[in-house]
Every structure is written in C-alpha cells, then in structure tokens.
C-alpha cells in the first residue's frame, strides 16, 4: 500500500509540474509571437491558467498527494520564470 501512495504522489507532482511547464511555454509563445504583457489576452491566459494550477495544487495537497511546501515551491518557481520572461520582453 505504501508503494502505491508514493507512486501516486510522484505521479501527482509530475502532472502538476507538466501543467506548470505548459503554462510557461504558452506564455513564452505569446511573448515571442503574439502579444505584449499589457494585452488583456495575455493577462487573461496567465490569470486563468495560474488559478487553475493553484486549485489543482490545493486539491493534491488536500488529498495528501504532495506536500504543501512542494506545491508552493512549484508555484513560486513558475512565477519567478514568468517574471523573468516578462522582464526580458520589456527590454526589447
């Protein structure tokens, strides 16, 4: 039973990490090709996806699939990367 819990926890974290990576890639594509950060479309996509990811992380924490600090670290890391992309686009 313990192995199943560990496997589920690893899978849950991997799925959440993949979702965070997809958000980062989507924003990177928007910044490179489509819109500027001041565009309502950019803000809408970012807000919607970040909200969805945070809710998924909350659910995984409540189900004891991941630790709360791991979920927070995942969001913090994504936010730092997004801020870097935003700052880089401002320099263009």
Protein backbone atom coordinates (compact mmCIF):
# COMPACT_ATOMS: atom_id res chain seq x y z
CA UNK A 1 0.00 0.00 0.00
CA UNK A 2 2.82 2.42 0.88
CA UNK A 3 4.38 1.96 -2.57
CA UNK A 4 1.05 2.87 -4.20
CA UNK A 5 0.87 6.08 -2.18
CA UNK A 6 4.43 7.03 -3.14
CA UNK A 7 3.76 6.24 -6.78
CA UNK A 8 0.57 8.32 -6.72
CA UNK A 9 2.38 11.19 -5.03
CA UNK A 10 5.18 11.10 -7.60
CA UNK A 11 2.69 10.97 -10.44
CA UNK A 12 0.63 13.83 -8.98
CA UNK A 13 3.71 16.04 -8.65
CA UNK A 14 4.89 15.12 -12.16
CA UNK A 15 1.48 16.04 -13.62
CA UNK A 16 1.41 19.36 -11.77
CA UNK A 17 4.97 20.11 -12.91
CA UNK A 18 3.94 19.32 -16.50
CA UNK A 19 1.00 21.72 -16.17
CA UNK A 20 3.33 24.43 -14.88
CA UNK A 21 5.69 23.79 -17.80
CA UNK A 22 2.78 24.09 -20.26
CA UNK A 23 1.80 27.45 -18.77
CA UNK A 24 5.37 28.67 -19.06
CA UNK A 25 5.60 27.51 -22.68
CA UNK A 26 2.24 29.10 -23.56
CA UNK A 27 3.27 32.45 -22.11
CA UNK A 28 6.67 32.24 -23.80
CA UNK A 29 5.00 31.68 -27.18
CA UNK A 30 2.64 34.61 -26.58
CA UNK A 31 5.51 36.88 -25.60
CA UNK A 32 7.64 35.84 -28.57
CA UNK A 33 4.98 35.87 -31.27
CA UNK A 34 1.62 37.25 -30.39
CA UNK A 35 1.13 39.86 -27.74
CA UNK A 36 2.73 42.14 -25.23
CA UNK A 37 2.27 41.76 -21.46
CA UNK A 38 -0.11 44.73 -21.36
CA UNK A 39 -2.53 42.90 -23.67
CA UNK A 40 -5.75 41.72 -21.99
CA UNK A 41 -5.40 38.36 -23.74
CA UNK A 42 -2.01 37.79 -22.11
CA UNK A 43 -3.35 38.72 -18.69
CA UNK A 44 -6.46 36.55 -19.13
CA UNK A 45 -4.47 33.49 -20.17
CA UNK A 46 -1.98 33.94 -17.39
CA UNK A 47 -4.60 34.55 -14.69
CA UNK A 48 -6.82 31.67 -15.80
CA UNK A 49 -4.04 29.13 -16.05
CA UNK A 50 -2.33 30.18 -12.83
CA UNK A 51 -5.66 29.99 -10.98
CA UNK A 52 -6.33 26.52 -12.38
CA UNK A 53 -2.87 25.30 -11.44
CA UNK A 54 -3.15 26.68 -7.91
CA UNK A 55 -6.50 24.92 -7.49
CA UNK A 56 -5.02 21.65 -8.76
CA UNK A 57 -2.15 22.02 -6.31
CA UNK A 58 -4.59 22.74 -3.47
CA UNK A 59 -6.52 19.59 -4.36
CA UNK A 60 -3.36 17.46 -4.46
CA UNK A 61 -2.31 18.84 -1.06
CA UNK A 62 -5.73 18.12 0.44
CA UNK A 63 -5.56 14.57 -0.94
CA UNK A 64 -2.10 14.18 0.67
CA UNK A 65 -0.55 13.51 -2.71
CA UNK A 66 2.01 16.28 -2.39
CA UNK A 67 3.35 18.35 0.47
CA UNK A 68 2.09 21.90 0.78
CA UNK A 69 5.62 23.33 0.61
CA UNK A 70 6.26 21.40 -2.63
CA UNK A 71 3.12 22.91 -4.16
CA UNK A 72 4.11 26.39 -3.06
CA UNK A 73 7.61 25.88 -4.41
CA UNK A 74 6.18 24.81 -7.76
CA UNK A 75 4.06 27.96 -7.99
CA UNK A 76 6.89 30.19 -6.76
CA UNK A 77 9.27 28.76 -9.34
CA UNK A 78 6.74 29.27 -12.13
CA UNK A 79 6.10 32.85 -11.03
CA UNK A 80 9.85 33.58 -11.00
CA UNK A 81 10.23 32.18 -14.50
CA UNK A 82 7.25 34.17 -15.75
CA UNK A 83 8.65 37.34 -14.19
CA UNK A 84 11.94 36.69 -15.96
CA UNK A 85 10.15 36.30 -19.30
CA UNK A 86 8.16 39.47 -18.64
CA UNK A 87 11.28 41.47 -17.77
CA UNK A 88 13.08 40.11 -20.83
CA UNK A 89 10.21 41.21 -23.06
CA UNK A 90 10.32 44.72 -21.57
CA UNK A 91 13.96 45.05 -22.64
CA UNK A 92 13.12 44.52 -26.33
